[in-house]
N, C-alpha and C. Protein backbone atom coordinates (compact mmCIF):
# COMPACT_ATOMS: atom_id res chain seq x y z
N MET A 1 46.02 17.75 16.91
CA MET A 1 44.98 18.64 16.24
C MET A 1 43.15 17.77 16.16
N GLN A 2 42.07 18.48 17.29
CA GLN A 2 40.95 17.32 17.22
C GLN A 2 40.09 17.54 15.93
N LYS A 3 39.93 16.14 15.75
CA LYS A 3 38.92 15.99 14.50
C LYS A 3 38.13 16.64 14.48
N GLU A 4 37.03 17.10 13.61
CA GLU A 4 36.04 18.31 13.57
C GLU A 4 35.02 16.74 13.22
N LYS A 5 33.91 17.13 14.70
CA LYS A 5 32.79 15.94 14.72
C LYS A 5 32.13 16.00 13.05
N GLU A 6 31.66 14.84 12.91
CA GLU A 6 30.82 14.89 11.54
C GLU A 6 29.10 14.89 11.94
N TYR A 7 28.29 15.75 11.30
CA TYR A 7 26.86 15.95 11.31
C TYR A 7 26.18 15.49 10.30
N ILE A 8 24.97 14.89 10.09
CA ILE A 8 24.38 14.11 9.05
C ILE A 8 23.38 15.67 8.85
N ASN A 9 23.46 16.98 9.25
CA ASN A 9 23.21 17.37 8.62
C ASN A 9 22.53 19.09 9.55
N GLU A 10 22.34 20.08 9.03
CA GLU A 10 22.77 21.57 10.02
C GLU A 10 21.83 21.42 10.96
N ASP A 11 20.68 20.90 10.69
CA ASP A 11 19.51 21.23 12.15
C ASP A 11 20.14 20.58 13.35
N VAL A 12 20.56 18.94 13.19
CA VAL A 12 20.96 17.78 13.93
C VAL A 12 22.46 18.56 14.77
N LYS A 13 23.38 19.66 13.83
CA LYS A 13 24.17 20.29 14.38
C LYS A 13 24.08 21.40 15.00
N GLN A 14 23.09 22.10 15.09
CA GLN A 14 23.01 23.07 15.79
C GLN A 14 22.09 22.39 17.35
N ALA A 15 21.11 21.39 17.50
CA ALA A 15 20.84 21.07 18.37
C ALA A 15 21.51 20.77 19.27
N HIS A 16 22.88 19.63 18.59
CA HIS A 16 23.88 18.84 19.28
C HIS A 16 24.46 19.99 20.13
N GLU A 17 25.20 21.00 19.11
CA GLU A 17 25.95 21.73 19.58
C GLU A 17 25.49 22.96 20.87
N GLU A 18 24.18 22.98 21.18
CA GLU A 18 23.56 23.61 22.34
C GLU A 18 23.58 22.65 22.81
N LEU A 19 22.84 21.51 22.55
CA LEU A 19 22.99 20.40 24.35
C LEU A 19 24.30 20.92 25.53
N GLN A 20 25.53 20.40 23.81
CA GLN A 20 26.97 20.48 24.54
C GLN A 20 27.03 21.72 25.51
N ALA A 21 26.70 22.78 24.64
CA ALA A 21 26.77 24.65 25.16
C ALA A 21 26.13 24.41 26.61
N LYS A 22 25.38 23.34 26.92
CA LYS A 22 24.36 23.90 27.83
C LYS A 22 25.11 22.88 29.02
N LEU A 23 25.24 21.83 28.66
CA LEU A 23 26.62 20.77 29.92
C LEU A 23 27.65 21.68 30.21
N LYS A 24 28.24 21.97 29.57
CA LYS A 24 29.10 22.97 29.84
C LYS A 24 29.28 23.74 30.95
N ASP A 25 27.75 23.58 31.21
CA ASP A 25 27.37 24.76 33.17
C ASP A 25 27.57 23.46 34.00
N PRO A 26 28.53 23.96 35.00
CA PRO A 26 28.65 22.68 35.51
C PRO A 26 27.72 22.27 37.24
N ALA A 27 26.68 22.81 37.04
CA ALA A 27 25.91 22.29 37.50
C ALA A 27 24.56 21.44 36.53
N GLU A 28 24.71 21.42 35.07
CA GLU A 28 24.52 20.48 34.52
C GLU A 28 24.76 19.61 34.36
N LYS A 29 26.24 19.54 34.14
CA LYS A 29 27.57 18.60 34.04
C LYS A 29 27.36 17.64 34.98
N ASN A 30 27.74 18.51 36.41
CA ASN A 30 27.22 17.37 37.26
C ASN A 30 25.20 17.01 37.50
N LYS A 31 24.82 17.12 37.20
CA LYS A 31 23.56 16.76 37.18
C LYS A 31 23.39 15.12 36.18
N LEU A 32 24.08 15.20 34.90
CA LEU A 32 24.02 14.74 34.45
C LEU A 32 25.47 13.28 34.45
N LYS A 33 26.09 13.54 35.16
CA LYS A 33 27.26 12.37 35.50
C LYS A 33 26.40 11.94 36.63
N LYS A 34 25.96 12.30 37.28
CA LYS A 34 25.02 12.03 38.37
C LYS A 34 24.34 10.83 38.23
N HIS A 35 23.18 10.95 36.70
CA HIS A 35 22.26 10.17 36.70
C HIS A 35 23.09 9.26 35.86
N LEU A 36 23.75 9.59 35.35
CA LEU A 36 24.94 8.06 34.21
C LEU A 36 24.82 7.55 35.39
N GLN A 37 25.69 7.78 36.65
CA GLN A 37 26.38 7.13 37.28
C GLN A 37 25.23 6.18 38.17
N GLU A 38 23.52 6.61 38.26
CA GLU A 38 22.89 5.71 39.00
C GLU A 38 22.59 4.87 38.30
N ILE A 39 22.26 5.29 37.24
CA ILE A 39 21.61 3.93 36.16
C ILE A 39 22.90 3.34 36.29
N LYS A 40 24.23 3.33 35.70
CA LYS A 40 25.43 2.56 35.47
C LYS A 40 25.23 1.15 36.65
N SER A 41 25.42 2.18 38.08
CA SER A 41 25.08 1.07 39.24
C SER A 41 24.34 0.53 39.53
N GLY A 42 23.26 0.30 38.68
CA GLY A 42 21.77 0.07 38.79
C GLY A 42 20.96 0.33 40.22
N GLU A 43 20.86 1.28 40.51
CA GLU A 43 20.81 2.32 42.04
C GLU A 43 19.52 2.52 41.44
N THR A 44 18.55 2.80 40.02
CA THR A 44 17.44 3.44 39.82
C THR A 44 16.73 2.24 39.09
N ARG A 45 17.42 1.42 39.10
CA ARG A 45 16.94 -0.24 38.02
C ARG A 45 16.07 0.02 36.86
N LEU A 46 16.51 1.40 35.98
CA LEU A 46 15.29 1.44 35.09
C LEU A 46 15.67 0.76 33.96
N GLU A 47 16.52 0.30 34.20
CA GLU A 47 16.93 -1.08 33.16
C GLU A 47 15.53 -2.01 33.04
N MET A 48 14.62 -2.15 34.16
CA MET A 48 13.57 -3.34 33.83
C MET A 48 11.96 -2.34 33.43
N VAL A 49 12.38 -1.29 33.27
CA VAL A 49 11.00 -1.12 32.48
C VAL A 49 11.17 -0.72 30.67
N TYR A 50 12.65 -0.78 30.53
CA TYR A 50 12.84 -0.44 28.88
C TYR A 50 12.36 -1.47 28.35
N SER A 51 12.06 -1.76 26.93
CA SER A 51 11.63 -1.92 25.84
C SER A 51 10.37 -3.28 26.09
N GLN A 52 9.58 -2.71 26.45
CA GLN A 52 8.10 -3.36 26.75
C GLN A 52 7.63 -3.63 25.22
N SER A 53 7.17 -5.08 25.46
CA SER A 53 7.19 -5.47 23.87
C SER A 53 5.90 -6.70 24.11
N PRO A 54 4.94 -6.90 23.11
CA PRO A 54 5.52 -5.54 21.69
C PRO A 54 4.64 -3.50 22.11
N TYR A 55 5.99 -2.52 21.65
CA TYR A 55 5.15 -1.16 21.76
C TYR A 55 3.51 -1.37 21.72
N LYS A 56 3.19 -0.13 21.97
CA LYS A 56 1.82 0.46 22.25
C LYS A 56 1.90 1.88 22.27
N PHE A 57 1.51 2.43 20.89
CA PHE A 57 1.56 3.77 20.43
C PHE A 57 -0.11 3.77 20.61
N ALA A 58 -1.53 4.34 21.95
CA ALA A 58 -2.45 4.52 21.75
C ALA A 58 -2.80 5.50 21.00
N LEU A 59 -3.02 5.50 19.39
CA LEU A 59 -3.56 6.93 19.01
C LEU A 59 -4.82 7.12 19.41
N PRO A 60 -5.38 8.20 18.30
CA PRO A 60 -6.46 8.74 19.14
C PRO A 60 -7.57 8.36 18.33
N ASN A 61 -7.69 7.20 17.90
CA ASN A 61 -9.24 6.49 18.06
C ASN A 61 -8.97 5.15 18.44
N GLY A 62 -8.44 5.31 19.28
CA GLY A 62 -8.32 4.14 20.22
C GLY A 62 -7.41 2.75 19.50
N SER A 63 -7.25 3.16 18.42
CA SER A 63 -5.99 1.99 17.56
C SER A 63 -4.83 1.85 18.20
N ASP A 64 -4.22 0.94 17.71
CA ASP A 64 -2.19 1.20 18.13
C ASP A 64 -1.26 1.21 16.81
N PHE A 65 -0.55 1.91 17.19
CA PHE A 65 0.72 2.36 15.64
C PHE A 65 0.65 1.49 15.74
N ASP A 66 0.44 0.67 14.18
CA ASP A 66 0.96 -0.56 13.88
C ASP A 66 2.33 -0.23 12.79
N PHE A 67 3.76 -1.01 13.93
CA PHE A 67 4.83 -0.84 13.05
C PHE A 67 4.89 -1.20 11.46
N LYS A 68 4.17 -2.94 11.70
CA LYS A 68 4.98 -3.14 10.58
C LYS A 68 4.57 -2.70 9.57
N ARG A 69 2.96 -2.77 9.18
CA ARG A 69 2.24 -1.80 8.51
C ARG A 69 2.91 -0.80 7.98
N TYR A 70 3.77 0.65 8.86
CA TYR A 70 4.35 1.22 8.89
C TYR A 70 5.43 0.76 7.89
N ILE A 71 6.38 -0.47 8.09
CA ILE A 71 7.32 -0.57 7.64
C ILE A 71 7.21 -1.35 6.19
N GLU A 72 5.97 -1.52 6.40
CA GLU A 72 5.25 -2.18 4.32
C GLU A 72 5.55 -1.11 4.02
N THR A 73 4.88 0.12 4.02
CA THR A 73 4.54 1.41 3.36
C THR A 73 6.49 1.82 2.90
N LEU A 74 7.37 1.77 4.27
CA LEU A 74 8.56 2.48 3.58
C LEU A 74 9.24 1.31 2.85
N LYS A 75 8.87 0.04 2.94
CA LYS A 75 9.54 -0.66 2.03
C LYS A 75 8.85 -0.68 0.67
N ALA A 76 8.52 0.16 0.24
CA ALA A 76 8.33 0.33 -1.60
C ALA A 76 9.11 1.49 -1.93
N VAL A 77 9.66 2.44 -0.91
CA VAL A 77 10.70 3.53 -1.24
C VAL A 77 11.48 3.06 -0.71
N ARG A 78 12.37 2.31 0.13
CA ARG A 78 13.44 2.95 0.38
C ARG A 78 14.23 1.36 0.07
N ARG A 79 15.14 1.25 -0.12
CA ARG A 79 16.43 -0.18 -0.42
C ARG A 79 16.30 -1.04 1.04
N LYS A 80 16.76 -0.05 2.10
CA LYS A 80 16.59 -0.20 3.42
C LYS A 80 16.16 0.63 4.64
N ILE A 81 15.34 0.14 5.49
CA ILE A 81 14.68 0.93 6.46
C ILE A 81 15.61 0.74 7.97
N ARG A 82 15.99 1.94 8.42
CA ARG A 82 16.73 2.42 8.96
C ARG A 82 15.61 2.82 10.58
N ILE A 83 15.78 1.68 11.69
CA ILE A 83 15.53 2.22 12.71
C ILE A 83 16.06 2.53 14.05
N LEU A 84 15.93 3.38 15.06
CA LEU A 84 16.63 3.52 16.00
C LEU A 84 15.55 3.24 17.41
N ASP A 85 16.08 2.76 18.42
CA ASP A 85 15.21 2.19 19.98
C ASP A 85 16.23 3.35 20.47
N VAL A 86 16.28 4.05 21.55
CA VAL A 86 16.30 4.77 22.66
C VAL A 86 16.35 4.50 23.34
N GLY A 87 16.69 3.84 24.54
CA GLY A 87 16.54 3.41 25.52
C GLY A 87 16.08 1.99 25.31
N ALA A 88 17.01 1.22 24.39
CA ALA A 88 16.33 -0.51 24.01
C ALA A 88 16.08 -1.43 24.87
N GLY A 89 16.98 -1.10 25.90
CA GLY A 89 16.73 -2.37 27.22
C GLY A 89 17.53 -3.51 26.22
N LYS A 90 17.19 -4.37 26.51
CA LYS A 90 17.15 -6.13 26.28
C LYS A 90 17.27 -5.80 24.94
N GLY A 91 16.29 -5.20 24.71
CA GLY A 91 16.71 -5.16 22.74
C GLY A 91 15.11 -5.97 22.28
N HIS A 92 14.02 -6.15 23.06
CA HIS A 92 13.13 -6.98 22.46
C HIS A 92 12.30 -6.37 21.13
N PHE A 93 12.21 -5.08 20.82
CA PHE A 93 11.49 -4.71 20.10
C PHE A 93 11.75 -4.74 18.99
N LEU A 94 13.19 -4.76 18.47
CA LEU A 94 14.53 -4.12 17.28
C LEU A 94 14.34 -5.69 16.90
N ALA A 95 14.68 -7.06 18.36
CA ALA A 95 14.81 -8.36 17.58
C ALA A 95 13.71 -9.11 17.10
N LEU A 96 12.17 -8.28 17.48
CA LEU A 96 11.23 -9.16 16.78
C LEU A 96 11.27 -8.69 15.57
N LEU A 97 11.65 -7.23 14.92
CA LEU A 97 11.04 -6.40 14.21
C LEU A 97 12.35 -6.88 13.44
N LYS A 98 13.46 -7.90 13.36
CA LYS A 98 14.08 -8.36 12.57
C LYS A 98 14.19 -9.71 12.68
N LYS A 99 13.43 -10.56 13.10
CA LYS A 99 12.63 -11.62 12.88
C LYS A 99 11.72 -11.48 11.55
N ASP A 100 11.03 -10.47 11.68
CA ASP A 100 9.89 -10.44 10.83
C ASP A 100 10.28 -9.89 9.63
N PHE A 101 12.00 -8.82 9.02
CA PHE A 101 11.95 -8.55 8.22
C PHE A 101 13.51 -8.38 8.05
N GLY A 102 14.16 -9.05 8.63
CA GLY A 102 15.52 -9.16 7.97
C GLY A 102 16.62 -8.07 7.57
N LYS A 103 17.02 -8.93 6.53
CA LYS A 103 17.69 -7.79 6.34
C LYS A 103 17.44 -6.11 5.69
N LYS A 104 16.00 -6.32 5.33
CA LYS A 104 15.25 -5.12 5.06
C LYS A 104 15.63 -3.91 5.79
N ILE A 105 16.01 -4.43 7.06
CA ILE A 105 15.78 -3.29 8.21
C ILE A 105 17.33 -3.25 8.78
N HIS A 106 17.88 -1.97 9.35
CA HIS A 106 18.73 -1.95 9.99
C HIS A 106 18.74 -1.46 11.09
N THR A 107 19.18 -1.92 12.34
CA THR A 107 18.02 -1.94 13.51
C THR A 107 19.74 -0.92 14.45
N THR A 108 19.42 -0.16 15.28
CA THR A 108 19.90 0.44 16.15
C THR A 108 19.64 0.53 17.70
N ALA A 109 20.78 -0.28 18.62
CA ALA A 109 19.94 0.00 19.87
C ALA A 109 20.81 1.05 20.60
N LEU A 110 19.85 1.90 21.33
CA LEU A 110 20.94 3.04 21.46
C LEU A 110 20.68 3.11 23.40
N ASP A 111 21.53 2.58 24.50
CA ASP A 111 21.36 2.70 25.76
C ASP A 111 22.20 3.39 26.87
N ILE A 112 22.11 3.36 27.54
CA ILE A 112 23.20 3.64 28.64
C ILE A 112 23.54 2.48 29.26
N TYR A 113 22.17 1.64 29.75
CA TYR A 113 23.41 0.51 30.49
C TYR A 113 23.21 -0.52 29.66
N GLU A 114 24.24 -1.42 30.25
CA GLU A 114 24.75 -2.56 29.18
C GLU A 114 24.27 -3.44 29.71
N HIS A 115 23.14 -4.08 28.54
CA HIS A 115 22.26 -5.50 28.84
C HIS A 115 23.29 -6.56 28.11
N PRO A 116 23.56 -7.48 29.17
CA PRO A 116 24.02 -8.66 28.95
C PRO A 116 22.67 -9.19 27.42
N GLU A 117 21.54 -9.31 28.11
CA GLU A 117 20.48 -10.05 26.76
C GLU A 117 20.42 -9.01 25.18
N LEU A 118 20.97 -7.63 25.57
CA LEU A 118 21.28 -7.13 24.17
C LEU A 118 22.49 -7.47 23.62
N ASN A 119 23.91 -7.56 24.32
CA ASN A 119 24.63 -7.82 23.90
C ASN A 119 24.12 -9.61 22.75
N GLU A 120 23.67 -10.35 23.89
CA GLU A 120 23.14 -11.51 22.74
C GLU A 120 22.43 -11.30 21.64
N LYS A 121 21.76 -10.64 21.76
CA LYS A 121 20.84 -10.43 20.57
C LYS A 121 21.50 -9.82 19.77
N TYR A 122 22.71 -9.28 19.70
CA TYR A 122 23.38 -8.17 18.86
C TYR A 122 24.41 -9.73 18.12
N LYS A 123 25.41 -10.35 19.09
CA LYS A 123 25.98 -11.58 18.33
C LYS A 123 24.83 -12.52 17.70
N GLU A 124 23.93 -12.47 17.83
CA GLU A 124 22.85 -13.67 17.20
C GLU A 124 22.35 -12.82 15.80
N GLY A 125 22.79 -11.57 15.82
CA GLY A 125 22.58 -10.75 14.51
C GLY A 125 21.13 -10.83 14.49
N LEU A 126 20.23 -10.07 15.40
CA LEU A 126 18.87 -9.66 15.57
C LEU A 126 18.97 -8.24 15.78
N ILE A 127 19.90 -8.21 15.96
CA ILE A 127 20.10 -6.13 16.52
C ILE A 127 21.37 -6.43 15.41
N ASP A 128 21.32 -4.58 14.84
CA ASP A 128 22.87 -4.74 13.74
C ASP A 128 23.38 -3.98 14.11
N GLU A 129 23.39 -3.47 15.47
CA GLU A 129 24.50 -2.26 15.80
C GLU A 129 23.74 -1.78 17.08
N VAL A 130 24.69 -1.79 18.37
CA VAL A 130 24.69 -1.58 19.92
C VAL A 130 25.56 0.34 19.70
N ILE A 131 24.77 0.87 20.49
CA ILE A 131 25.65 2.24 21.16
C ILE A 131 25.20 2.35 22.45
N TYR A 132 26.36 2.20 23.44
CA TYR A 132 26.00 2.42 24.94
C TYR A 132 26.42 4.24 25.45
N GLU A 133 25.58 4.70 25.01
CA GLU A 133 25.62 6.30 25.51
C GLU A 133 24.60 6.75 25.99
N SER A 134 24.18 7.70 26.84
CA SER A 134 23.42 8.71 26.54
C SER A 134 22.56 9.09 25.77
N ALA A 135 21.35 9.61 25.96
CA ALA A 135 20.31 10.28 24.56
C ALA A 135 21.48 11.67 24.51
N GLU A 136 21.89 12.29 25.47
CA GLU A 136 22.39 13.60 25.29
C GLU A 136 23.01 13.92 24.48
N LEU A 137 24.14 12.59 25.17
CA LEU A 137 25.79 12.91 24.15
C LEU A 137 25.78 11.92 22.71
N PHE A 138 24.50 11.29 22.51
CA PHE A 138 24.74 10.43 22.01
C PHE A 138 24.67 11.18 20.32
N LEU A 139 25.55 10.83 19.46
CA LEU A 139 25.39 12.39 17.79
C LEU A 139 25.47 11.08 17.08
N PRO A 140 24.20 11.32 16.06
CA PRO A 140 23.59 10.33 14.97
C PRO A 140 24.35 10.34 13.95
N LYS A 141 25.13 9.20 13.66
CA LYS A 141 25.97 9.27 12.49
C LYS A 141 25.13 8.71 11.03
N GLN A 142 23.91 8.94 11.41
CA GLN A 142 23.34 8.35 9.95
C GLN A 142 21.69 8.51 9.79
N ALA A 143 20.96 9.21 9.29
CA ALA A 143 19.15 9.26 9.06
C ALA A 143 18.45 8.18 9.34
N TYR A 144 17.62 8.46 10.19
CA TYR A 144 16.47 7.40 10.33
C TYR A 144 15.13 7.42 9.88
N ASP A 145 14.47 6.02 9.31
CA ASP A 145 12.66 6.61 9.41
C ASP A 145 12.31 6.21 10.52
N ILE A 146 12.51 5.52 11.27
CA ILE A 146 11.32 5.23 12.41
C ILE A 146 13.05 5.46 14.23
N ILE A 147 12.33 6.31 14.95
CA ILE A 147 13.09 6.40 15.94
C ILE A 147 12.49 6.26 16.85
N VAL A 148 12.23 5.35 17.89
CA VAL A 148 11.57 4.92 19.11
C VAL A 148 11.78 5.35 20.49
N SER A 149 11.15 5.92 21.81
CA SER A 149 11.42 6.00 22.67
C SER A 149 10.33 5.19 23.59
N ASN A 150 10.40 4.16 24.52
CA ASN A 150 9.33 3.55 24.90
C ASN A 150 9.67 3.37 26.82
N LEU A 151 8.93 4.38 27.53
CA LEU A 151 9.35 4.42 29.09
C LEU A 151 10.91 4.54 29.11
N GLY A 152 11.97 4.26 28.43
CA GLY A 152 13.09 4.47 28.78
C GLY A 152 13.81 5.59 28.34
N GLY A 153 15.40 5.87 27.82
CA GLY A 153 15.29 7.22 26.94
C GLY A 153 14.72 8.29 27.30
N LEU A 154 14.16 8.52 26.89
CA LEU A 154 14.15 10.13 26.94
C LEU A 154 13.50 10.61 28.10
N LYS A 155 12.10 9.78 28.86
CA LYS A 155 11.35 9.70 29.94
C LYS A 155 12.77 10.28 30.63
N TYR A 156 13.49 9.74 30.71
CA TYR A 156 14.84 10.28 32.10
C TYR A 156 15.54 11.25 31.64
N SER A 157 15.26 11.94 30.81
CA SER A 157 16.46 12.85 29.95
C SER A 157 16.46 14.04 30.56
N ILE A 158 17.85 14.18 30.82
CA ILE A 158 17.71 15.86 31.51
C ILE A 158 17.63 17.37 30.80
N MET A 159 17.43 16.64 29.69
CA MET A 159 17.17 17.89 28.86
C MET A 159 16.53 17.31 27.76
N PRO A 160 14.99 16.97 27.42
CA PRO A 160 14.32 16.32 26.37
C PRO A 160 14.09 17.04 25.23
N GLU A 161 13.55 18.23 25.56
CA GLU A 161 13.23 18.74 24.78
C GLU A 161 14.66 19.11 23.62
N LEU A 162 15.62 19.20 23.73
CA LEU A 162 16.99 19.14 22.81
C LEU A 162 17.28 18.23 22.49
N VAL A 163 17.25 17.21 23.05
CA VAL A 163 17.54 15.65 22.65
C VAL A 163 15.97 15.30 21.68
N ILE A 164 15.04 15.18 21.78
CA ILE A 164 14.24 15.88 20.99
C ILE A 164 14.19 16.58 19.26
N ARG A 165 14.68 17.20 19.84
CA ARG A 165 14.99 18.15 18.41
C ARG A 165 16.09 17.52 17.88
N LYS A 166 17.37 17.13 18.51
CA LYS A 166 17.96 16.27 18.14
C LYS A 166 17.76 15.23 16.92
N LEU A 167 17.01 14.14 17.83
CA LEU A 167 16.39 13.11 16.99
C LEU A 167 15.23 13.29 16.15
N SER A 168 14.50 14.57 16.07
CA SER A 168 13.52 15.19 15.00
C SER A 168 14.42 15.24 13.71
N HIS A 169 15.44 15.89 14.07
CA HIS A 169 16.29 16.61 12.66
C HIS A 169 17.15 14.78 12.09
N SER A 170 17.02 14.24 12.85
CA SER A 170 17.94 12.76 12.08
C SER A 170 17.06 11.84 11.25
N LEU A 171 15.37 12.49 10.93
CA LEU A 171 14.61 11.29 10.31
C LEU A 171 14.95 12.05 9.06
N ARG A 172 14.57 10.51 8.18
CA ARG A 172 14.72 11.12 6.78
C ARG A 172 13.10 11.17 6.15
N SER A 173 13.45 11.70 5.57
CA SER A 173 11.89 12.01 4.94
C SER A 173 11.07 11.21 4.59
N GLY A 174 9.90 11.74 5.28
CA GLY A 174 8.53 10.29 5.66
C GLY A 174 9.16 9.50 6.99
N GLY A 175 10.08 10.02 7.89
CA GLY A 175 10.35 9.02 8.99
C GLY A 175 9.53 10.18 10.39
N ILE A 176 9.40 8.64 11.27
CA ILE A 176 8.50 9.05 12.32
C ILE A 176 9.37 9.32 13.53
N LEU A 177 9.11 9.85 14.48
CA LEU A 177 10.09 9.85 15.74
C LEU A 177 7.83 9.43 16.99
N LEU A 178 8.38 8.59 17.49
CA LEU A 178 7.31 7.75 18.52
C LEU A 178 8.57 7.75 19.95
N ILE A 179 7.54 8.63 20.88
CA ILE A 179 7.84 8.75 21.98
C ILE A 179 6.85 8.57 23.56
N TYR A 180 6.91 7.71 24.33
CA TYR A 180 6.22 7.34 25.12
C TYR A 180 6.92 7.46 26.95
N PRO A 181 6.31 7.72 27.60
CA PRO A 181 5.12 8.69 27.74
C PRO A 181 5.03 10.26 27.09
N LEU A 182 4.12 10.94 27.33
CA LEU A 182 4.00 12.31 26.72
C LEU A 182 5.08 13.20 27.07
N LEU A 183 5.47 13.28 26.01
CA LEU A 183 6.63 14.88 26.46
C LEU A 183 5.76 16.09 26.04
N LYS A 184 6.99 17.06 26.16
CA LYS A 184 6.40 18.35 25.46
C LYS A 184 6.90 18.32 24.51
N ILE A 185 6.91 18.34 22.96
CA ILE A 185 6.97 19.01 21.67
C ILE A 185 7.81 20.83 21.49
N PRO A 186 9.51 20.42 21.75
CA PRO A 186 9.85 21.49 21.42
C PRO A 186 9.50 22.64 20.51
N LYS A 187 9.25 23.48 20.80
CA LYS A 187 8.48 24.64 19.96
C LYS A 187 8.99 25.19 18.75
N GLU A 188 10.61 24.78 18.67
CA GLU A 188 10.97 25.22 17.17
C GLU A 188 11.03 23.88 16.51
N ILE A 189 10.44 22.44 16.97
CA ILE A 189 9.58 21.61 16.08
C ILE A 189 7.91 21.94 15.51
N ALA A 190 7.26 22.61 16.45
CA ALA A 190 5.58 22.33 16.49
C ALA A 190 5.77 23.37 15.75
N LYS A 191 6.74 24.46 15.52
CA LYS A 191 6.38 25.67 14.04
C LYS A 191 7.22 25.43 12.69
N ASP A 192 7.80 24.01 12.85
CA ASP A 192 8.97 23.33 11.78
C ASP A 192 7.99 23.06 10.75
N LYS A 193 7.64 23.77 9.56
CA LYS A 193 6.27 23.22 8.55
C LYS A 193 7.17 22.01 7.83
N ARG A 194 8.25 21.71 7.89
CA ARG A 194 8.85 20.16 7.94
C ARG A 194 8.10 18.79 8.40
N PHE A 195 7.72 19.52 9.65
CA PHE A 195 7.24 18.06 10.53
C PHE A 195 5.48 18.77 11.04
N LYS A 196 5.26 17.17 10.86
CA LYS A 196 3.79 16.84 11.32
C LYS A 196 3.80 16.62 12.82
N THR A 197 3.29 17.76 13.91
CA THR A 197 3.62 16.60 15.04
C THR A 197 1.91 16.92 15.71
N LEU A 198 1.61 15.51 16.36
CA LEU A 198 0.71 14.91 16.93
C LEU A 198 0.78 14.12 18.38
N LYS A 199 -0.52 14.12 19.17
CA LYS A 199 -0.30 14.45 20.57
C LYS A 199 -0.98 13.01 20.32
N LEU A 200 -0.23 11.84 21.30
CA LEU A 200 -1.69 10.84 20.79
C LEU A 200 -2.08 10.30 22.43
N GLN A 201 -2.47 9.39 22.51
CA GLN A 201 -3.34 9.11 23.62
C GLN A 201 -2.44 9.33 25.05
N ASP A 202 -1.27 9.29 24.91
CA ASP A 202 -0.60 8.88 25.90
C ASP A 202 0.54 8.98 25.19
N ALA A 203 1.53 9.26 23.68
CA ALA A 203 2.82 9.58 23.53
C ALA A 203 2.49 10.66 22.56
N ILE A 204 3.67 11.21 22.02
CA ILE A 204 3.91 12.24 21.14
C ILE A 204 4.69 11.36 19.75
N ALA A 205 4.17 11.63 18.53
CA ALA A 205 4.58 11.42 17.26
C ALA A 205 5.43 12.78 16.68
N ILE A 206 6.13 12.69 15.95
CA ILE A 206 6.77 13.81 15.16
C ILE A 206 6.81 13.13 14.02
N LYS A 207 6.70 13.30 12.73
CA LYS A 207 6.76 12.95 11.29
C LYS A 207 7.97 14.00 10.84
N LYS A 208 8.49 13.58 9.89
CA LYS A 208 9.44 14.29 8.89
C LYS A 208 8.41 14.40 7.67
N GLU A 209 7.73 15.57 7.01
CA GLU A 209 7.32 15.37 6.05
C GLU A 209 7.55 14.92 4.77
N GLU A 210 7.17 14.20 3.85
CA GLU A 210 7.61 13.71 2.65
C GLU A 210 8.24 14.83 2.05
């Protein structure tokens, strides 16, 4: 008997199941399979652009999103802050935050391509969890305070809107999803009063209201 999947909430379940249903289409399934094979074989060399550090998410006023300040505000209400990097690459971004905040944060790296440097950072304790999976197939087992996708991850997703829906619903109250480059905000999220969406200069931000 197949064990039933565990979902952190009904909205994640719905988005993930819609995505899985779409992947049952032979053409979509073949497209994803080919995409994963290209990345894992290194033919696209996408890993070369993953995890640029420090991350730069340009705000409308010309400044950059300040991750450290945002984490400091969360520390007042969170025992441990959970951060997910979609397309984590070599793990530079998460490792930098871990050095600054230590046990106050729990970091999860999600990537398709297995990076030796990412594995090394995990062994050194600079990253708490590493998951080698595509964003389409990834099923969150916990909710996050910060989710980021910089250049890698969602830029190359074959179903970005469904993945963004799933990730948005994986945010904890007050959490934020930051995506670069600019991608389309799913209409379901844009209309949902639980979320505040903002188009930055070259990225998007989705914040789950308190």
